[in-house]
Amino acid sequence: MKSRSPRLATRAIIVEDGRLLLVNAYPGNRSDLWGAPGGGVEPGVSLPENLRREVNEECGLEVEVGALALVNEFHDPKSGYHQVDLFFRCRVTRGALDPAWRDPAGIVHTCRFFAPAELAAIRLKPDSLPRIAFAPAAPVYYDPLEEIVP
């Protein structure tokens, strides 16, 4: 297996009215796995700018990017794929979730806010996300390398 550099991505932790925003980013609704909105970083563009773009594309929302809250790594030992996600606390400054919104890339098909009690009934990654999301005063947390889940 050829060694390759990790992919860098930014993710948004958006909590409104005690609920966490998550997206399902599997085209064709092929998976029940949820995660925070965001995506790959484009070279030459700041991390906050990348994150604002991704949240707008995926959810139709404009956000203010705040403090870094979580660094998470995952990998696929079979392919050598390795990604580092930087999760920032964000606040919606414009827009609201619209069920008619469509991700221009066609990757995200559902955006939804979840109450803490609902999170136990869904699959989401990383496992540490709910704990970090609902503890706003916590310092930056490092979530060690975990194997990717299909």
C-alpha atoms as a PDB file:
ATOM      1  CA  MET A   1       0.000   0.000   0.000  1.00  0.00           C
ATOM      2  CA  LYS A   2       1.383   3.382  -1.002  1.00  0.00           C
ATOM      3  CA  SER A   3       1.688   5.976   1.742  1.00  0.00           C
ATOM      4  CA  ARG A   4      -0.213   9.199   1.146  1.00  0.00           C
ATOM      5  CA  SER A   5      -0.812  12.406   3.059  1.00  0.00           C
ATOM      6  CA  PRO A   6      -3.867  12.707   5.276  1.00  0.00           C
ATOM      7  CA  ARG A   7      -6.819  14.674   3.912  1.00  0.00           C
ATOM      8  CA  LEU A   8      -7.742  17.744   5.976  1.00  0.00           C
ATOM      9  CA  ALA A   9     -11.383  18.672   6.559  1.00  0.00           C
ATOM     10  CA  THR A  10     -13.318  21.194   8.643  1.00  0.00           C
ATOM     11  CA  ARG A  11     -16.588  20.416  10.441  1.00  0.00           C
ATOM     12  CA  ALA A  12     -19.175  22.615  12.161  1.00  0.00           C
ATOM     13  CA  ILE A  13     -20.566  22.021  15.628  1.00  0.00           C
ATOM     14  CA  ILE A  14     -23.863  23.897  15.520  1.00  0.00           C
ATOM     15  CA  VAL A  15     -26.133  23.668  18.558  1.00  0.00           C
ATOM     16  CA  GLU A  16     -29.420  25.587  18.493  1.00  0.00           C
ATOM     17  CA  ASP A  17     -32.103  25.357  21.136  1.00  0.00           C
ATOM     18  CA  GLY A  18     -30.236  22.458  22.727  1.00  0.00           C
ATOM     19  CA  ARG A  19     -30.142  20.440  19.497  1.00  0.00           C
ATOM     20  CA  LEU A  20     -27.143  19.445  17.358  1.00  0.00           C
ATOM     21  CA  LEU A  21     -27.133  19.863  13.569  1.00  0.00           C
ATOM     22  CA  LEU A  22     -26.102  16.715  11.695  1.00  0.00           C
ATOM     23  CA  VAL A  23     -26.066  15.713   8.038  1.00  0.00           C
ATOM     24  CA  ASN A  24     -26.341  12.432   6.208  1.00  0.00           C
ATOM     25  CA  ALA A  25     -23.766  12.664   3.440  1.00  0.00           C
ATOM     26  CA  TYR A  26     -24.219   9.472   1.524  1.00  0.00           C
ATOM     27  CA  PRO A  27     -25.568   9.934  -2.015  1.00  0.00           C
ATOM     28  CA  GLY A  28     -28.722   7.993  -2.659  1.00  0.00           C
ATOM     29  CA  ASN A  29     -29.439   7.643   1.075  1.00  0.00           C
ATOM     30  CA  ARG A  30     -27.226   4.524   1.169  1.00  0.00           C
ATOM     31  CA  SER A  31     -26.184   4.811   4.808  1.00  0.00           C
ATOM     32  CA  ASP A  32     -27.725   5.592   8.168  1.00  0.00           C
ATOM     33  CA  LEU A  33     -24.506   7.258   9.401  1.00  0.00           C
ATOM     34  CA  TRP A  34     -24.733  10.917  10.470  1.00  0.00           C
ATOM     35  CA  GLY A  35     -22.014  13.514  11.012  1.00  0.00           C
ATOM     36  CA  ALA A  36     -21.365  17.216  11.398  1.00  0.00           C
ATOM     37  CA  PRO A  37     -21.593  19.366   8.264  1.00  0.00           C
ATOM     38  CA  GLY A  38     -18.338  20.281   6.571  1.00  0.00           C
ATOM     39  CA  GLY A  39     -15.787  18.872   4.200  1.00  0.00           C
ATOM     40  CA  GLY A  40     -12.404  18.950   2.569  1.00  0.00           C
ATOM     41  CA  VAL A  41     -10.180  21.992   2.770  1.00  0.00           C
ATOM     42  CA  GLU A  42      -9.220  23.736  -0.452  1.00  0.00           C
ATOM     43  CA  PRO A  43      -5.568  24.843  -0.545  1.00  0.00           C
ATOM     44  CA  GLY A  44      -5.010  28.574  -0.239  1.00  0.00           C
ATOM     45  CA  VAL A  45      -8.325  29.155   1.545  1.00  0.00           C
ATOM     46  CA  SER A  46      -8.487  29.650   5.317  1.00  0.00           C
ATOM     47  CA  LEU A  47     -10.067  26.987   7.521  1.00  0.00           C
ATOM     48  CA  PRO A  48     -12.995  29.276   8.522  1.00  0.00           C
ATOM     49  CA  GLU A  49     -13.639  30.235   4.884  1.00  0.00           C
ATOM     50  CA  ASN A  50     -13.646  26.572   3.872  1.00  0.00           C
ATOM     51  CA  LEU A  51     -16.072  25.736   6.662  1.00  0.00           C
ATOM     52  CA  ARG A  52     -18.442  28.614   5.839  1.00  0.00           C
ATOM     53  CA  ARG A  53     -18.515  27.448   2.209  1.00  0.00           C
ATOM     54  CA  GLU A  54     -19.155  23.807   3.129  1.00  0.00           C
ATOM     55  CA  VAL A  55     -21.986  24.572   5.583  1.00  0.00           C
ATOM     56  CA  ASN A  56     -23.623  26.855   3.029  1.00  0.00           C
ATOM     57  CA  GLU A  57     -23.375  24.249   0.264  1.00  0.00           C
ATOM     58  CA  GLU A  58     -24.575  21.363   2.416  1.00  0.00           C
ATOM     59  CA  CYS A  59     -27.257  23.082   4.516  1.00  0.00           C
ATOM     60  CA  GLY A  60     -28.001  26.486   2.951  1.00  0.00           C
ATOM     61  CA  LEU A  61     -26.913  28.261   6.142  1.00  0.00           C
ATOM     62  CA  GLU A  62     -24.465  31.088   6.766  1.00  0.00           C
ATOM     63  CA  VAL A  63     -22.375  30.650   9.899  1.00  0.00           C
ATOM     64  CA  GLU A  64     -19.919  32.478  12.079  1.00  0.00           C
ATOM     65  CA  VAL A  65     -16.968  30.192  12.803  1.00  0.00           C
ATOM     66  CA  GLY A  66     -15.825  30.180  16.413  1.00  0.00           C
ATOM     67  CA  ALA A  67     -13.326  28.254  18.483  1.00  0.00           C
ATOM     68  CA  LEU A  68     -11.740  24.923  17.635  1.00  0.00           C
ATOM     69  CA  ALA A  69     -13.384  22.237  19.813  1.00  0.00           C
ATOM     70  CA  LEU A  70     -12.317  18.818  18.512  1.00  0.00           C
ATOM     71  CA  VAL A  71      -9.606  17.216  16.405  1.00  0.00           C
ATOM     72  CA  ASN A  72     -10.642  13.794  15.101  1.00  0.00           C
ATOM     73  CA  GLU A  73      -8.762  11.307  12.916  1.00  0.00           C
ATOM     74  CA  PHE A  74     -10.041   8.318  11.031  1.00  0.00           C
ATOM     75  CA  HIS A  75      -8.542   5.925   8.522  1.00  0.00           C
ATOM     76  CA  ASP A  76      -9.204   2.946   6.310  1.00  0.00           C
ATOM     77  CA  PRO A  77      -6.366   0.462   6.800  1.00  0.00           C
ATOM     78  CA  LYS A  78      -7.262  -1.357   3.567  1.00  0.00           C
ATOM     79  CA  SER A  79      -6.923   1.649   1.250  1.00  0.00           C
ATOM     80  CA  GLY A  80      -4.579   3.802   3.324  1.00  0.00           C
ATOM     81  CA  TYR A  81      -7.133   6.642   3.401  1.00  0.00           C
ATOM     82  CA  HIS A  82      -6.545   8.920   6.415  1.00  0.00           C
ATOM     83  CA  GLN A  83      -8.498  12.067   7.269  1.00  0.00           C
ATOM     84  CA  VAL A  84      -8.061  14.682   9.981  1.00  0.00           C
ATOM     85  CA  ASP A  85     -11.239  16.607  10.862  1.00  0.00           C
ATOM     86  CA  LEU A  86     -11.077  19.942  12.689  1.00  0.00           C
ATOM     87  CA  PHE A  87     -14.406  20.673  14.416  1.00  0.00           C
ATOM     88  CA  PHE A  88     -15.191  24.333  15.121  1.00  0.00           C
ATOM     89  CA  ARG A  89     -18.051  25.711  17.190  1.00  0.00           C
ATOM     90  CA  CYS A  90     -20.279  27.708  14.867  1.00  0.00           C
ATOM     91  CA  ARG A  91     -23.325  29.923  15.112  1.00  0.00           C
ATOM     92  CA  VAL A  92     -25.947  30.342  12.387  1.00  0.00           C
ATOM     93  CA  THR A  93     -26.048  33.987  11.307  1.00  0.00           C
ATOM     94  CA  ARG A  94     -28.457  33.657   8.402  1.00  0.00           C
ATOM     95  CA  GLY A  95     -30.918  31.101   7.122  1.00  0.00           C
ATOM     96  CA  ALA A  96     -32.906  28.185   8.462  1.00  0.00           C
ATOM     97  CA  LEU A  97     -33.059  24.548   7.459  1.00  0.00           C
ATOM     98  CA  ASP A  98     -35.252  24.162   4.413  1.00  0.00           C
ATOM     99  CA  PRO A  99     -36.361  20.639   3.431  1.00  0.00           C
ATOM    100  CA  ALA A 100     -36.286  21.742  -0.220  1.00  0.00           C
ATOM    101  CA  TRP A 101     -32.570  22.702  -0.010  1.00  0.00           C
ATOM    102  CA  ARG A 102     -30.300  20.606  -2.233  1.00  0.00           C
ATOM    103  CA  ASP A 103     -26.546  20.242  -1.865  1.00  0.00           C
ATOM    104  CA  PRO A 104     -25.138  21.323  -5.265  1.00  0.00           C
ATOM    105  CA  ALA A 105     -22.647  18.434  -5.121  1.00  0.00           C
ATOM    106  CA  GLY A 106     -25.464  15.965  -4.421  1.00  0.00           C
ATOM    107  CA  ILE A 107     -23.619  14.423  -1.471  1.00  0.00           C
ATOM    108  CA  VAL A 108     -25.658  15.607   1.523  1.00  0.00           C
ATOM    109  CA  HIS A 109     -29.272  14.573   1.216  1.00  0.00           C
ATOM    110  CA  THR A 110     -30.594  15.316   4.729  1.00  0.00           C
ATOM    111  CA  CYS A 111     -29.818  18.021   7.317  1.00  0.00           C
ATOM    112  CA  ARG A 112     -31.488  17.809  10.705  1.00  0.00           C
ATOM    113  CA  PHE A 113     -31.214  19.022  14.299  1.00  0.00           C
ATOM    114  CA  PHE A 114     -31.161  16.287  16.959  1.00  0.00           C
ATOM    115  CA  ALA A 115     -31.928  16.598  20.674  1.00  0.00           C
ATOM    116  CA  PRO A 116     -29.428  14.836  22.960  1.00  0.00           C
ATOM    117  CA  ALA A 117     -31.895  12.039  23.738  1.00  0.00           C
ATOM    118  CA  GLU A 118     -32.347  11.310  20.014  1.00  0.00           C
ATOM    119  CA  LEU A 119     -28.620  10.820  19.431  1.00  0.00           C
ATOM    120  CA  ALA A 120     -28.599   7.464  21.222  1.00  0.00           C
ATOM    121  CA  ALA A 121     -30.939   6.073  18.564  1.00  0.00           C
ATOM    122  CA  ILE A 122     -28.791   6.966  15.524  1.00  0.00           C
ATOM    123  CA  ARG A 123     -25.352   6.043  14.181  1.00  0.00           C
ATOM    124  CA  LEU A 124     -23.013   9.014  14.145  1.00  0.00           C
ATOM    125  CA  LYS A 125     -19.294   9.670  13.971  1.00  0.00           C
ATOM    126  CA  PRO A 126     -17.155  10.563  15.698  1.00  0.00           C
ATOM    127  CA  ASP A 127     -18.401   8.922  18.882  1.00  0.00           C
ATOM    128  CA  SER A 128     -17.125  11.876  20.941  1.00  0.00           C
ATOM    129  CA  LEU A 129     -19.175  14.488  19.028  1.00  0.00           C
ATOM    130  CA  PRO A 130     -22.248  14.674  21.308  1.00  0.00           C
ATOM    131  CA  ARG A 131     -20.123  14.940  24.457  1.00  0.00           C
ATOM    132  CA  ILE A 132     -18.048  17.757  22.932  1.00  0.00           C
ATOM    133  CA  ALA A 133     -20.993  19.543  21.306  1.00  0.00           C
ATOM    134  CA  PHE A 134     -22.979  19.859  24.510  1.00  0.00           C
ATOM    135  CA  ALA A 135     -19.998  20.906  26.665  1.00  0.00           C
ATOM    136  CA  PRO A 136     -19.262  24.397  25.296  1.00  0.00           C
ATOM    137  CA  ALA A 137     -16.769  25.328  28.008  1.00  0.00           C
ATOM    138  CA  ALA A 138     -14.575  22.277  27.382  1.00  0.00           C
ATOM    139  CA  PRO A 139     -11.029  22.688  26.024  1.00  0.00           C
ATOM    140  CA  VAL A 140     -10.048  21.335  22.611  1.00  0.00           C
ATOM    141  CA  TYR A 141     -10.330  17.549  22.655  1.00  0.00           C
ATOM    142  CA  TYR A 142      -8.245  15.114  20.590  1.00  0.00           C
ATOM    143  CA  ASP A 143     -10.117  12.026  19.446  1.00  0.00           C
ATOM    144  CA  PRO A 144      -7.511   9.366  18.537  1.00  0.00           C
ATOM    145  CA  LEU A 145      -7.298   7.619  15.210  1.00  0.00           C
ATOM    146  CA  GLU A 146     -10.218   5.285  14.614  1.00  0.00           C
ATOM    147  CA  GLU A 147     -11.044   2.948  11.783  1.00  0.00           C
ATOM    148  CA  ILE A 148     -13.479   4.323   9.223  1.00  0.00           C
ATOM    149  CA  VAL A 149     -17.021   2.977   9.369  1.00  0.00           C
ATOM    150  CA  PRO A 150     -18.916   2.429   6.112  1.00  0.00           C
END
